[in-house]
Protein backbone atom coordinates (compact mmCIF):
# COMPACT_ATOMS: atom_id res chain seq x y z
CA UNK A 1 -2.21 -11.93 29.14
CA UNK A 2 -2.77 -8.12 28.73
CA UNK A 3 0.49 -7.45 26.95
CA UNK A 4 -0.01 -10.43 24.50
CA UNK A 5 -3.30 -9.23 23.83
CA UNK A 6 -2.08 -5.76 22.91
CA UNK A 7 0.81 -7.58 21.05
CA UNK A 8 -1.84 -9.46 19.11
CA UNK A 9 -3.83 -6.54 17.76
CA UNK A 10 -0.57 -5.15 16.60
CA UNK A 11 0.50 -7.91 14.78
CA UNK A 12 -3.23 -8.15 13.41
CA UNK A 13 -2.90 -4.60 11.85
CA UNK A 14 0.35 -5.52 10.38
CA UNK A 15 -0.86 -8.25 8.56
CA UNK A 16 -4.28 -7.10 7.77
CA UNK A 17 -4.17 -3.43 7.27
CA UNK A 18 -1.22 -3.15 4.97
CA UNK A 19 -0.28 -2.87 1.32
CA UNK A 20 -2.71 -0.85 -0.78
CA UNK A 21 0.05 -0.17 -2.94
CA UNK A 22 1.06 2.88 -4.89
CA UNK A 23 -0.05 4.14 -8.72
CA UNK A 24 1.82 2.18 -11.35
CA UNK A 25 3.54 4.66 -13.64
CA UNK A 26 5.04 3.88 -17.03
CA UNK A 27 6.99 6.52 -17.49
CA UNK A 28 7.28 6.21 -21.21
CA UNK A 29 3.72 6.63 -21.93
CA UNK A 30 3.18 9.41 -19.79
CA UNK A 31 3.41 12.74 -21.92
CA UNK A 32 4.67 16.02 -20.98
CA UNK A 33 1.37 18.00 -21.08
CA UNK A 34 -0.37 14.73 -18.81
CA UNK A 35 0.02 16.42 -15.59
CA UNK A 36 -2.89 14.61 -13.58
CA UNK A 37 -3.21 10.94 -13.27
CA UNK A 38 -6.30 9.22 -11.43
CA UNK A 39 -6.16 5.68 -10.67
CA UNK A 40 -8.89 2.82 -9.46
CA UNK A 41 -7.44 -0.46 -8.38
CA UNK A 42 -9.32 -3.54 -6.94
CA UNK A 43 -7.63 -7.01 -5.94
CA UNK A 44 -7.13 -9.44 -3.33
CA UNK A 45 -4.70 -7.92 -0.25
CA UNK A 46 -5.73 -9.79 2.83
CA UNK A 47 -9.03 -9.67 1.52
CA UNK A 48 -10.93 -7.75 -1.32
CA UNK A 49 -10.14 -4.08 -1.49
CA UNK A 50 -10.60 -1.01 -3.97
CA UNK A 51 -8.22 1.73 -4.06
CA UNK A 52 -8.55 5.30 -5.39
CA UNK A 53 -5.40 7.61 -6.07
CA UNK A 54 -4.36 10.81 -7.56
CA UNK A 55 -0.83 11.56 -8.92
CA UNK A 56 0.40 15.16 -10.20
CA UNK A 57 3.30 15.61 -12.22
CA UNK A 58 5.83 18.12 -11.24
CA UNK A 59 8.09 20.08 -13.67
CA UNK A 60 11.50 18.88 -12.49
CA UNK A 61 14.49 17.45 -14.46
CA UNK A 62 14.32 14.30 -12.28
CA UNK A 63 10.79 12.62 -13.33
CA UNK A 64 8.76 12.90 -10.11
CA UNK A 65 5.01 12.53 -9.59
CA UNK A 66 3.24 13.42 -5.98
CA UNK A 67 0.74 10.76 -4.92
CA UNK A 68 -2.37 10.71 -2.59
CA UNK A 69 -4.39 7.39 -2.17
CA UNK A 70 -7.01 5.99 -0.34
CA UNK A 71 -7.96 2.28 0.04
CA UNK A 72 -10.51 0.38 1.82
CA UNK A 73 -11.71 -3.25 2.11
CA UNK A 74 -15.25 -4.71 1.48
CA UNK A 75 -16.93 -5.51 4.38
CA UNK A 76 -20.37 -5.46 6.12
CA UNK A 77 -19.30 -1.99 7.90
CA UNK A 78 -18.34 0.75 5.44
CA UNK A 79 -14.99 2.35 6.14
CA UNK A 80 -14.27 0.66 9.20
CA UNK A 81 -11.02 -0.73 7.68
CA UNK A 82 -8.91 1.69 5.65
CA UNK A 83 -5.60 3.22 4.42
CA UNK A 84 -4.50 6.24 3.35
CA UNK A 85 -1.07 7.38 2.02
CA UNK A 86 0.83 10.76 0.81
CA UNK A 87 3.97 10.79 -0.63
CA UNK A 88 6.03 10.46 -4.03
CA UNK A 89 7.64 8.63 -6.72
CA UNK A 90 10.54 9.36 -8.78
CA UNK A 91 12.32 7.70 -11.78
CA UNK A 92 16.03 7.40 -10.69
CA UNK A 93 17.56 5.48 -13.35
CA UNK A 94 16.70 5.32 -17.05
CA UNK A 95 19.25 3.37 -19.67
CA UNK A 96 17.55 2.98 -22.71
CA UNK A 97 14.09 1.00 -22.20
CA UNK A 98 15.26 0.04 -18.65
CA UNK A 99 14.05 2.20 -15.61
CA UNK A 100 14.05 2.40 -11.74
CA UNK A 101 11.80 4.01 -10.09
CA UNK A 102 11.33 4.85 -6.20
CA UNK A 103 8.63 5.24 -4.02
CA UNK A 104 8.27 6.87 -0.30
CA UNK A 105 4.90 7.32 1.95
CA UNK A 106 3.55 8.25 4.66
CA UNK A 107 0.71 5.78 5.86
CA UNK A 108 -2.28 6.14 7.84
CA UNK A 109 -4.46 3.10 8.72
CA UNK A 110 -7.49 2.28 10.43
CA UNK A 111 -8.88 -1.04 11.92
CA UNK A 112 -11.53 -2.22 13.58
CA UNK A 113 -13.21 -5.15 15.02
CA UNK A 114 -15.46 -6.11 17.86
CA UNK A 115 -12.56 -6.30 20.24
CA UNK A 116 -10.80 -3.01 19.41
CA UNK A 117 -10.18 -0.18 17.17
CA UNK A 118 -6.41 0.44 16.01
CA UNK A 119 -4.92 3.78 14.43
CA UNK A 120 -1.71 3.36 12.96
CA UNK A 121 1.39 5.73 11.46
CA UNK A 122 3.73 4.16 9.42
CA UNK A 123 5.69 4.48 6.26
CA UNK A 124 6.06 2.68 2.93
CA UNK A 125 9.26 2.31 0.81
CA UNK A 126 9.52 0.37 -2.40
CA UNK A 127 11.53 0.09 -5.70
CA UNK A 128 10.30 -0.79 -9.08
CA UNK A 129 12.57 -1.59 -11.94
CA UNK A 130 12.01 -3.14 -15.32
CA UNK A 131 11.87 -2.48 -19.11
CA UNK A 132 9.35 0.31 -20.76
CA UNK A 133 8.05 1.04 -23.84
CA UNK A 134 5.58 3.48 -24.91
CA UNK A 135 2.78 0.76 -25.05
CA UNK A 136 3.74 -1.69 -22.56
CA UNK A 137 6.17 -2.34 -19.56
CA UNK A 138 7.06 -5.43 -17.22
CA UNK A 139 8.88 -5.01 -14.20
CA UNK A 140 9.58 -6.25 -10.61
CA UNK A 141 9.16 -4.83 -7.30
CA UNK A 142 10.15 -4.79 -3.93
CA UNK A 143 9.09 -3.06 -0.80
CA UNK A 144 8.55 -2.66 2.78
CA UNK A 145 5.63 -1.68 4.64
CA UNK A 146 6.27 -0.58 8.32
CA UNK A 147 3.77 -0.04 11.13
CA UNK A 148 5.66 2.67 13.31
CA UNK A 149 3.09 3.51 16.06
CA UNK A 150 -0.47 2.38 16.87
CA UNK A 151 -3.39 3.57 19.30
CA UNK A 152 -5.41 0.88 20.63
CA UNK A 153 -8.71 1.65 21.83
CA UNK A 154 -10.25 -1.80 23.38
CA UNK A 155 -14.05 -2.12 23.66
CA UNK A 156 -16.32 -2.44 26.65
CA UNK A 157 -16.60 -6.24 25.39
CA UNK A 158 -12.98 -6.98 25.75
CA UNK A 159 -12.78 -5.32 29.02
CA UNK A 160 -15.17 -7.41 30.52
CA UNK A 161 -12.88 -10.47 29.71
CA UNK A 162 -9.83 -8.63 30.79
CA UNK A 163 -10.49 -5.49 33.47
CA UNK A 164 -7.10 -4.32 33.59
CA UNK A 165 -6.30 -4.02 29.67
CA UNK A 166 -5.08 -0.63 28.96
CA UNK A 167 -5.64 1.41 25.96
CA UNK A 168 -3.43 3.77 24.59
CA UNK A 169 -0.25 4.30 22.20
CA UNK A 170 2.02 1.10 21.29
CA UNK A 171 5.55 1.08 19.27
CA UNK A 172 5.18 -2.13 17.29
CA UNK A 173 8.39 -3.45 15.62
CA UNK A 174 6.46 -5.18 12.76
CA UNK A 175 6.44 -4.72 9.13
CA UNK A 176 5.88 -6.58 5.84
CA UNK A 177 7.96 -7.14 3.07
CA UNK A 178 6.15 -7.44 -0.52
CA UNK A 179 7.75 -8.43 -3.82
CA UNK A 180 6.36 -9.38 -7.08
CA UNK A 181 5.98 -8.50 -10.88
CA UNK A 182 3.84 -5.94 -12.45
CA UNK A 183 2.71 -5.15 -15.91
CA UNK A 184 0.73 -2.63 -18.10
CA UNK A 185 -0.84 -1.61 -21.39
CA UNK A 186 -1.47 1.58 -22.57
CA UNK A 187 -4.59 2.36 -24.20
CA UNK A 188 -4.89 6.00 -25.44
CA UNK A 189 -4.84 8.10 -22.26
CA UNK A 190 -5.43 5.18 -20.17
CA UNK A 191 -2.93 2.70 -18.70
CA UNK A 192 -4.22 -1.09 -17.61
CA UNK A 193 -2.21 -2.34 -15.05
CA UNK A 194 -1.75 -5.86 -13.30
CA UNK A 195 0.38 -6.64 -10.02
CA UNK A 196 0.96 -10.04 -8.41
CA UNK A 197 3.44 -11.15 -5.73
CA UNK A 198 3.90 -12.47 -2.30
CA UNK A 199 4.46 -11.05 1.14
CA UNK A 200 6.40 -12.05 4.41
CA UNK A 201 6.91 -10.53 7.82
CA UNK A 202 10.14 -8.59 8.50
CA UNK A 203 11.95 -11.66 9.83
CA UNK A 204 10.77 -14.07 7.27
CA UNK A 205 9.79 -16.37 9.70
CA UNK A 206 5.91 -16.26 9.19
CA UNK A 207 3.59 -14.91 6.15
CA UNK A 208 0.14 -13.68 6.49
CA UNK A 209 -3.02 -16.38 5.93
CA UNK A 210 -3.19 -15.07 2.59
CA UNK A 211 0.78 -14.74 1.38
CA UNK A 212 -0.01 -13.52 -1.79
CA UNK A 213 -1.28 -10.42 -3.75
CA UNK A 214 -3.17 -9.91 -7.01
CA UNK A 215 -4.00 -6.45 -8.09
CA UNK A 216 -5.73 -4.82 -11.22
CA UNK A 217 -6.17 -1.25 -11.98
CA UNK A 218 -6.70 1.52 -14.44
CA UNK A 219 -4.95 5.12 -14.59
CA UNK A 220 -6.68 7.90 -16.66
CA UNK A 221 -4.12 10.70 -17.76
CA UNK A 222 -5.38 14.07 -18.09
């Protein structure tokens, strides 16, 4: 029962605290002098979330942006569940108006309820490919969010029911695939973005309670 309880919380982290998604970038609307990108997004990702991100464009031959992002869910307790990401995205292929971007991030997330506090380190890898113009774009996306190692601290309430339950580090095998479409429209220095899709666990045998996601956001290019 104790091991089953720990596995349950690891699965819960995988299902609830994933996917804050990285910045949507329209490389064709991003001018050379615009080196900084501030993004604000909100949407439905296992619940209602809000994301704040910053991107810095590098002076490299391969178009590349370094990203740092913070996401949290709306709830009664501020910042009890959140996710941070640090990484980069690069445009690896451009043929006419068609473009493919690869993204890689290190992830730290926190989830807490009355029974336990979970701290997790993981990774997120994804690819976005589509057709881009200076004023708009439409693309498909496919990615994988992996929960690599998780620390579980059980509450006193739970210990009363399971006196032998142990807190500590666990190495889960769970992760979620996500795939969908995204689009955006440029308005001067601002880009409005939309994203929608679905999710499944890594064995494709199950889905979260809300197996879909929707996000709307804005990028400010400076």
